[in-house]
């Protein structure tokens, strides 16, 4: 009997220049909406390596992981199927922020566009302390 397993992704809250880096999605799902940089973990890859790779591919930035924000496993969080995300908080470093990979645009936000966020990324940002009365930004 073959067992079905969820897919694994990483999402990264990259803090740089007093703001949070978001990327505008170039592809479905949520094409045109803002999202945290992130993507699928490759087979044989550590999740920390996947986070660094995805951040670099989508934003051009190197990152230093500070901590895990949380694990997000709601089977309905991604319309492509059951996708579990490990969200990291990281500091960004590098010369130039530049959209790459499947990002149409990359930008630093000092005010988060809450209503335009894809997936459950608002929850991730809130869990990391970027929302509400005690917001970090």
N, C-alpha and C. Protein backbone atom coordinates (compact mmCIF):
# COMPACT_ATOMS: atom_id res chain seq x y z
N UNK A 1 0.83 -1.18 0.00
CA UNK A 1 0.00 0.00 0.00
C UNK A 1 0.88 1.25 0.00
N UNK A 2 0.66 2.11 -0.95
CA UNK A 2 1.43 3.36 -1.06
C UNK A 2 0.76 4.42 -0.20
N UNK A 3 1.55 5.05 0.62
CA UNK A 3 1.06 6.08 1.52
C UNK A 3 1.23 7.45 0.86
N UNK A 4 0.22 8.30 0.96
CA UNK A 4 0.33 9.67 0.46
C UNK A 4 0.95 10.53 1.56
N UNK A 5 1.87 11.39 1.18
CA UNK A 5 2.55 12.25 2.13
C UNK A 5 2.42 13.71 1.68
N UNK A 6 2.36 14.63 2.64
CA UNK A 6 2.32 16.04 2.26
C UNK A 6 3.65 16.49 1.69
N UNK A 7 3.61 17.57 0.94
CA UNK A 7 4.83 18.21 0.45
C UNK A 7 5.37 19.12 1.55
N UNK A 8 6.66 19.43 1.47
CA UNK A 8 7.30 20.28 2.47
C UNK A 8 7.87 21.52 1.81
N UNK A 9 7.55 22.69 2.40
CA UNK A 9 8.09 23.96 1.93
C UNK A 9 8.69 24.72 3.10
N UNK A 10 9.48 25.73 2.77
CA UNK A 10 9.96 26.69 3.75
C UNK A 10 9.48 28.07 3.33
N UNK A 11 9.17 28.89 4.30
CA UNK A 11 8.86 30.30 4.09
C UNK A 11 9.79 31.08 5.00
N UNK A 12 10.26 32.24 4.52
CA UNK A 12 11.24 32.98 5.28
C UNK A 12 10.80 34.42 5.46
N UNK A 13 10.74 34.86 6.71
CA UNK A 13 10.50 36.27 7.02
C UNK A 13 11.89 36.90 7.07
N UNK A 14 12.23 37.61 6.01
CA UNK A 14 13.55 38.23 5.89
C UNK A 14 13.43 39.69 6.32
N UNK A 15 14.17 40.05 7.37
CA UNK A 15 14.18 41.42 7.87
C UNK A 15 15.45 42.09 7.40
N UNK A 16 15.29 43.27 6.78
CA UNK A 16 16.43 44.04 6.29
C UNK A 16 16.00 45.50 6.20
N UNK A 17 16.91 46.40 6.48
CA UNK A 17 16.65 47.84 6.37
C UNK A 17 15.40 48.28 7.11
N UNK A 18 15.14 47.68 8.27
CA UNK A 18 13.99 48.07 9.07
C UNK A 18 12.65 47.63 8.52
N UNK A 19 12.64 46.68 7.60
CA UNK A 19 11.40 46.20 7.03
C UNK A 19 11.44 44.71 6.76
N UNK A 20 10.37 44.22 6.17
CA UNK A 20 10.22 42.81 5.82
C UNK A 20 10.21 42.68 4.30
N UNK A 21 10.96 41.72 3.78
CA UNK A 21 11.01 41.47 2.34
C UNK A 21 9.82 40.61 1.93
N UNK A 22 9.07 41.09 0.96
CA UNK A 22 7.99 40.32 0.35
C UNK A 22 8.25 40.24 -1.15
N UNK A 23 7.76 39.17 -1.76
CA UNK A 23 7.87 39.02 -3.21
C UNK A 23 6.48 38.95 -3.81
N UNK A 24 6.34 39.55 -4.99
CA UNK A 24 5.07 39.46 -5.71
C UNK A 24 5.10 38.19 -6.53
N UNK A 25 4.10 37.34 -6.35
CA UNK A 25 4.08 36.04 -7.02
C UNK A 25 3.86 36.21 -8.52
N UNK A 26 4.72 35.56 -9.30
CA UNK A 26 4.62 35.61 -10.75
C UNK A 26 3.72 34.49 -11.30
N UNK A 27 3.48 33.47 -10.48
CA UNK A 27 2.73 32.29 -10.95
C UNK A 27 1.58 31.99 -9.99
N UNK A 28 0.67 31.16 -10.48
CA UNK A 28 -0.41 30.66 -9.63
C UNK A 28 0.16 29.60 -8.70
N UNK A 29 -0.39 29.39 -7.54
CA UNK A 29 -1.55 30.10 -7.03
C UNK A 29 -1.18 31.48 -6.49
N UNK A 30 -2.18 32.32 -6.38
CA UNK A 30 -2.03 33.67 -5.83
C UNK A 30 -1.16 34.58 -6.69
N UNK A 31 -1.20 34.39 -7.98
CA UNK A 31 -0.42 35.24 -8.89
C UNK A 31 -0.76 36.71 -8.64
N UNK A 32 0.28 37.54 -8.54
CA UNK A 32 0.10 38.97 -8.33
C UNK A 32 -0.04 39.40 -6.88
N UNK A 33 -0.11 38.44 -5.97
CA UNK A 33 -0.20 38.78 -4.55
C UNK A 33 1.19 38.77 -3.92
N UNK A 34 1.31 39.40 -2.76
CA UNK A 34 2.57 39.44 -2.04
C UNK A 34 2.71 38.21 -1.16
N UNK A 35 3.93 37.73 -1.04
CA UNK A 35 4.19 36.52 -0.26
C UNK A 35 5.57 36.60 0.37
N UNK A 36 5.77 35.79 1.38
CA UNK A 36 7.11 35.61 1.92
C UNK A 36 7.93 34.83 0.90
N UNK A 37 9.23 35.10 0.81
CA UNK A 37 10.06 34.25 -0.03
C UNK A 37 10.00 32.82 0.51
N UNK A 38 10.03 31.85 -0.39
CA UNK A 38 10.02 30.46 0.04
C UNK A 38 9.76 29.52 -1.10
N UNK A 39 9.75 28.25 -0.79
CA UNK A 39 9.49 27.25 -1.81
C UNK A 39 9.72 25.85 -1.29
N UNK A 40 9.65 24.91 -2.21
CA UNK A 40 9.71 23.49 -1.87
C UNK A 40 11.12 23.06 -1.47
N UNK A 41 11.17 22.20 -0.47
CA UNK A 41 12.43 21.59 -0.04
C UNK A 41 12.76 20.47 -1.01
N UNK A 42 13.97 20.46 -1.50
CA UNK A 42 14.39 19.41 -2.44
C UNK A 42 14.77 18.15 -1.67
N UNK A 43 14.60 17.01 -2.31
CA UNK A 43 14.95 15.73 -1.69
C UNK A 43 16.42 15.74 -1.32
N UNK A 44 16.74 15.35 -0.08
CA UNK A 44 18.12 15.32 0.40
C UNK A 44 18.63 16.64 0.93
N UNK A 45 17.79 17.66 0.97
CA UNK A 45 18.18 19.00 1.41
C UNK A 45 17.68 19.25 2.83
N UNK A 46 18.51 19.85 3.66
CA UNK A 46 18.07 20.28 4.99
C UNK A 46 17.16 21.49 4.83
N UNK A 47 16.20 21.66 5.73
CA UNK A 47 15.26 22.78 5.60
C UNK A 47 15.98 24.13 5.71
N UNK A 48 17.03 24.20 6.52
CA UNK A 48 17.80 25.45 6.62
C UNK A 48 18.49 25.78 5.30
N UNK A 49 18.99 24.76 4.62
CA UNK A 49 19.60 24.97 3.30
C UNK A 49 18.56 25.41 2.29
N UNK A 50 17.38 24.82 2.36
CA UNK A 50 16.29 25.21 1.46
C UNK A 50 15.90 26.66 1.68
N UNK A 51 15.85 27.09 2.94
CA UNK A 51 15.50 28.48 3.25
C UNK A 51 16.54 29.44 2.66
N UNK A 52 17.81 29.13 2.84
CA UNK A 52 18.87 29.98 2.29
C UNK A 52 18.82 30.01 0.77
N UNK A 53 18.61 28.85 0.16
CA UNK A 53 18.55 28.76 -1.31
C UNK A 53 17.36 29.55 -1.85
N UNK A 54 16.18 29.33 -1.27
CA UNK A 54 14.97 30.01 -1.76
C UNK A 54 15.06 31.52 -1.56
N UNK A 55 15.59 31.96 -0.43
CA UNK A 55 15.75 33.40 -0.20
C UNK A 55 16.67 34.00 -1.26
N UNK A 56 17.77 33.33 -1.54
CA UNK A 56 18.73 33.83 -2.53
C UNK A 56 18.10 33.84 -3.93
N UNK A 57 17.40 32.74 -4.29
CA UNK A 57 16.80 32.66 -5.62
C UNK A 57 15.72 33.71 -5.84
N UNK A 58 14.91 33.98 -4.81
CA UNK A 58 13.76 34.88 -4.99
C UNK A 58 14.07 36.34 -4.70
N UNK A 59 15.12 36.61 -3.90
CA UNK A 59 15.37 38.00 -3.50
C UNK A 59 16.79 38.48 -3.80
N UNK A 60 17.71 37.56 -4.10
CA UNK A 60 19.11 37.93 -4.31
C UNK A 60 19.87 38.12 -3.01
N UNK A 61 19.21 37.93 -1.87
CA UNK A 61 19.83 38.17 -0.57
C UNK A 61 20.33 36.89 0.08
N UNK A 62 21.45 37.01 0.77
CA UNK A 62 21.89 35.96 1.67
C UNK A 62 21.15 36.19 2.99
N UNK A 63 20.96 35.12 3.75
CA UNK A 63 20.25 35.26 5.02
C UNK A 63 21.00 34.60 6.15
N UNK A 64 20.71 35.08 7.35
CA UNK A 64 21.18 34.44 8.58
C UNK A 64 19.92 34.09 9.37
N UNK A 65 19.66 32.80 9.50
CA UNK A 65 18.46 32.35 10.21
C UNK A 65 18.60 32.65 11.69
N UNK A 66 17.56 33.26 12.26
CA UNK A 66 17.53 33.59 13.68
C UNK A 66 16.78 32.52 14.48
N UNK A 67 15.62 32.09 13.94
CA UNK A 67 14.82 31.10 14.66
C UNK A 67 13.70 30.57 13.77
N UNK A 68 13.09 29.49 14.22
CA UNK A 68 11.88 28.99 13.58
C UNK A 68 10.69 29.74 14.16
N UNK A 69 9.84 30.25 13.30
CA UNK A 69 8.62 30.93 13.74
C UNK A 69 7.57 29.89 14.08
N UNK A 70 7.44 28.88 13.21
CA UNK A 70 6.46 27.84 13.45
C UNK A 70 6.35 26.87 12.30
N UNK A 71 5.53 25.85 12.50
CA UNK A 71 5.24 24.86 11.48
C UNK A 71 3.75 24.99 11.16
N UNK A 72 3.43 25.12 9.89
CA UNK A 72 2.06 25.37 9.44
C UNK A 72 1.61 24.19 8.59
N UNK A 73 0.63 23.45 9.11
CA UNK A 73 0.30 22.16 8.50
C UNK A 73 -1.17 21.98 8.14
N UNK A 74 -1.95 23.06 8.16
CA UNK A 74 -3.35 22.94 7.77
C UNK A 74 -3.42 22.38 6.35
N UNK A 75 -4.10 21.25 6.16
CA UNK A 75 -4.16 20.64 4.82
C UNK A 75 -4.76 21.57 3.75
N UNK A 76 -5.44 22.63 4.17
CA UNK A 76 -6.07 23.55 3.21
C UNK A 76 -5.29 24.86 3.06
N UNK A 77 -4.08 24.95 3.59
CA UNK A 77 -3.32 26.20 3.53
C UNK A 77 -2.81 26.52 2.13
N UNK A 78 -2.74 25.53 1.27
CA UNK A 78 -2.23 25.71 -0.10
C UNK A 78 -3.19 25.03 -1.07
N UNK A 79 -3.69 25.76 -2.07
CA UNK A 79 -4.64 25.15 -3.00
C UNK A 79 -4.06 24.04 -3.88
N UNK A 80 -2.73 23.89 -3.89
CA UNK A 80 -2.11 22.83 -4.70
C UNK A 80 -2.18 21.47 -4.02
N UNK A 81 -2.57 21.46 -2.74
CA UNK A 81 -2.64 20.20 -2.01
C UNK A 81 -2.11 20.38 -0.60
N UNK A 82 -1.92 19.26 0.09
CA UNK A 82 -1.44 19.31 1.47
C UNK A 82 0.05 19.65 1.47
N UNK A 83 0.35 20.88 1.86
CA UNK A 83 1.72 21.39 1.86
C UNK A 83 2.03 21.93 3.25
N UNK A 84 3.02 21.35 3.91
CA UNK A 84 3.43 21.77 5.24
C UNK A 84 4.59 22.76 5.09
N UNK A 85 4.48 23.89 5.82
CA UNK A 85 5.54 24.90 5.77
C UNK A 85 6.24 25.04 7.12
N UNK A 86 7.55 25.15 7.05
CA UNK A 86 8.35 25.56 8.20
C UNK A 86 8.75 26.99 7.93
N UNK A 87 8.33 27.89 8.82
CA UNK A 87 8.62 29.32 8.64
C UNK A 87 9.79 29.73 9.52
N UNK A 88 10.75 30.41 8.91
CA UNK A 88 11.93 30.90 9.61
C UNK A 88 11.92 32.42 9.68
N UNK A 89 12.48 32.97 10.73
CA UNK A 89 12.78 34.39 10.82
C UNK A 89 14.26 34.53 10.55
N UNK A 90 14.62 35.46 9.65
CA UNK A 90 16.03 35.60 9.26
C UNK A 90 16.37 37.06 9.02
N UNK A 91 17.66 37.36 9.16
CA UNK A 91 18.19 38.67 8.79
C UNK A 91 18.72 38.56 7.37
N UNK A 92 18.43 39.57 6.57
CA UNK A 92 18.93 39.59 5.21
C UNK A 92 20.24 40.34 5.12
N UNK A 93 21.05 39.93 4.16
CA UNK A 93 22.32 40.59 3.89
C UNK A 93 22.58 40.53 2.40
N UNK A 94 23.33 41.48 1.92
CA UNK A 94 23.66 41.47 0.50
C UNK A 94 23.55 42.87 -0.05
N UNK A 95 24.05 42.99 -1.27
CA UNK A 95 24.12 44.31 -1.88
C UNK A 95 22.80 44.77 -2.48
N UNK A 96 22.13 43.84 -3.15
CA UNK A 96 20.98 44.26 -3.93
C UNK A 96 19.81 43.32 -3.79
N UNK A 97 18.67 43.90 -3.46
CA UNK A 97 17.42 43.16 -3.46
C UNK A 97 16.95 43.09 -4.91
N UNK A 98 16.72 41.88 -5.40
CA UNK A 98 16.30 41.71 -6.79
C UNK A 98 15.41 40.49 -6.91
N UNK A 99 14.29 40.66 -7.59
CA UNK A 99 13.37 39.54 -7.81
C UNK A 99 14.02 38.52 -8.73
N UNK A 100 13.79 37.25 -8.41
CA UNK A 100 14.30 36.17 -9.24
C UNK A 100 13.40 34.98 -9.13
N UNK A 101 13.76 33.89 -9.76
CA UNK A 101 13.01 32.64 -9.69
C UNK A 101 11.57 32.90 -10.11
N UNK A 102 10.60 32.58 -9.24
CA UNK A 102 9.19 32.77 -9.60
C UNK A 102 8.60 34.03 -8.98
N UNK A 103 9.46 35.01 -8.66
CA UNK A 103 9.01 36.29 -8.11
C UNK A 103 9.00 37.35 -9.21
N UNK A 104 7.88 38.07 -9.33
CA UNK A 104 7.78 39.14 -10.32
C UNK A 104 8.43 40.42 -9.80
N UNK A 105 8.47 40.56 -8.47
CA UNK A 105 9.01 41.76 -7.83
C UNK A 105 9.41 41.40 -6.41
N UNK A 106 10.41 42.08 -5.89
CA UNK A 106 10.81 41.93 -4.49
C UNK A 106 10.94 43.32 -3.90
N UNK A 107 10.41 43.50 -2.69
CA UNK A 107 10.40 44.83 -2.09
C UNK A 107 10.47 44.71 -0.57
N UNK A 108 11.06 45.72 0.06
CA UNK A 108 11.08 45.81 1.52
C UNK A 108 9.87 46.64 1.94
N UNK A 109 9.07 46.08 2.85
CA UNK A 109 7.88 46.76 3.35
C UNK A 109 8.08 47.14 4.81
N UNK A 110 7.89 48.42 5.11
CA UNK A 110 7.87 48.87 6.50
C UNK A 110 6.45 48.79 7.03
N UNK A 111 5.48 48.85 6.13
CA UNK A 111 4.07 48.62 6.46
C UNK A 111 3.61 47.44 5.62
N UNK A 112 3.21 46.38 6.26
CA UNK A 112 2.86 45.14 5.57
C UNK A 112 1.49 45.28 4.90
N UNK A 113 1.38 44.88 3.63
CA UNK A 113 0.09 44.94 2.92
C UNK A 113 -0.78 43.72 3.29
N UNK A 114 -1.32 43.75 4.50
CA UNK A 114 -2.02 42.60 5.07
C UNK A 114 -3.07 42.00 4.15
N UNK A 115 -3.85 42.82 3.49
CA UNK A 115 -4.96 42.32 2.65
C UNK A 115 -4.49 41.72 1.33
N UNK A 116 -3.23 41.90 1.01
CA UNK A 116 -2.70 41.41 -0.27
C UNK A 116 -1.73 40.25 -0.10
N UNK A 117 -1.76 39.59 1.05
CA UNK A 117 -0.82 38.50 1.30
C UNK A 117 -1.39 37.15 0.87
N UNK A 118 -0.54 36.34 0.28
CA UNK A 118 -0.91 35.00 -0.19
C UNK A 118 -0.83 33.97 0.95
N UNK A 119 -1.42 32.82 0.68
CA UNK A 119 -1.36 31.67 1.58
C UNK A 119 -1.77 32.10 3.00
N UNK A 120 -1.07 31.58 4.01
CA UNK A 120 -1.30 31.95 5.40
C UNK A 120 -0.14 32.80 5.93
N UNK A 121 0.43 33.60 5.03
CA UNK A 121 1.61 34.37 5.39
C UNK A 121 1.30 35.49 6.40
N UNK A 122 0.06 35.97 6.45
CA UNK A 122 -0.31 36.94 7.48
C UNK A 122 -0.18 36.30 8.85
N UNK A 123 -0.62 35.08 8.99
CA UNK A 123 -0.53 34.35 10.26
C UNK A 123 0.93 34.18 10.66
N UNK A 124 1.78 33.83 9.70
CA UNK A 124 3.20 33.66 9.99
C UNK A 124 3.81 34.96 10.50
N UNK A 125 3.50 36.07 9.82
CA UNK A 125 4.02 37.37 10.23
C UNK A 125 3.51 37.76 11.62
N UNK A 126 2.24 37.49 11.87
CA UNK A 126 1.68 37.77 13.20
C UNK A 126 2.36 36.92 14.26
N UNK A 127 2.57 35.64 13.97
CA UNK A 127 3.21 34.74 14.93
C UNK A 127 4.65 35.18 15.23
N UNK A 128 5.30 35.82 14.26
CA UNK A 128 6.67 36.30 14.44
C UNK A 128 6.71 37.65 15.16
N UNK A 129 5.54 38.27 15.38
CA UNK A 129 5.49 39.53 16.10
C UNK A 129 5.37 40.76 15.25
N UNK A 130 4.99 40.61 13.99
CA UNK A 130 4.90 41.76 13.08
C UNK A 130 3.50 42.33 12.94
N UNK A 131 2.54 41.82 13.71
CA UNK A 131 1.18 42.35 13.59
C UNK A 131 0.63 42.77 14.94
N UNK A 132 -0.45 43.52 14.91
CA UNK A 132 -1.12 43.90 16.15
C UNK A 132 -0.45 45.04 16.88
N UNK A 133 -0.83 45.22 18.13
CA UNK A 133 -0.37 46.35 18.95
C UNK A 133 1.11 46.28 19.25
N UNK A 134 1.66 45.08 19.36
CA UNK A 134 3.06 44.92 19.73
C UNK A 134 3.95 44.63 18.53
N UNK A 135 3.58 45.16 17.38
CA UNK A 135 4.31 44.89 16.15
C UNK A 135 5.77 45.31 16.26
N UNK A 136 6.62 44.52 15.66
CA UNK A 136 8.07 44.79 15.66
C UNK A 136 8.37 45.98 14.76
N UNK A 137 7.69 46.09 13.64
CA UNK A 137 7.96 47.20 12.70
C UNK A 137 7.39 48.50 13.22
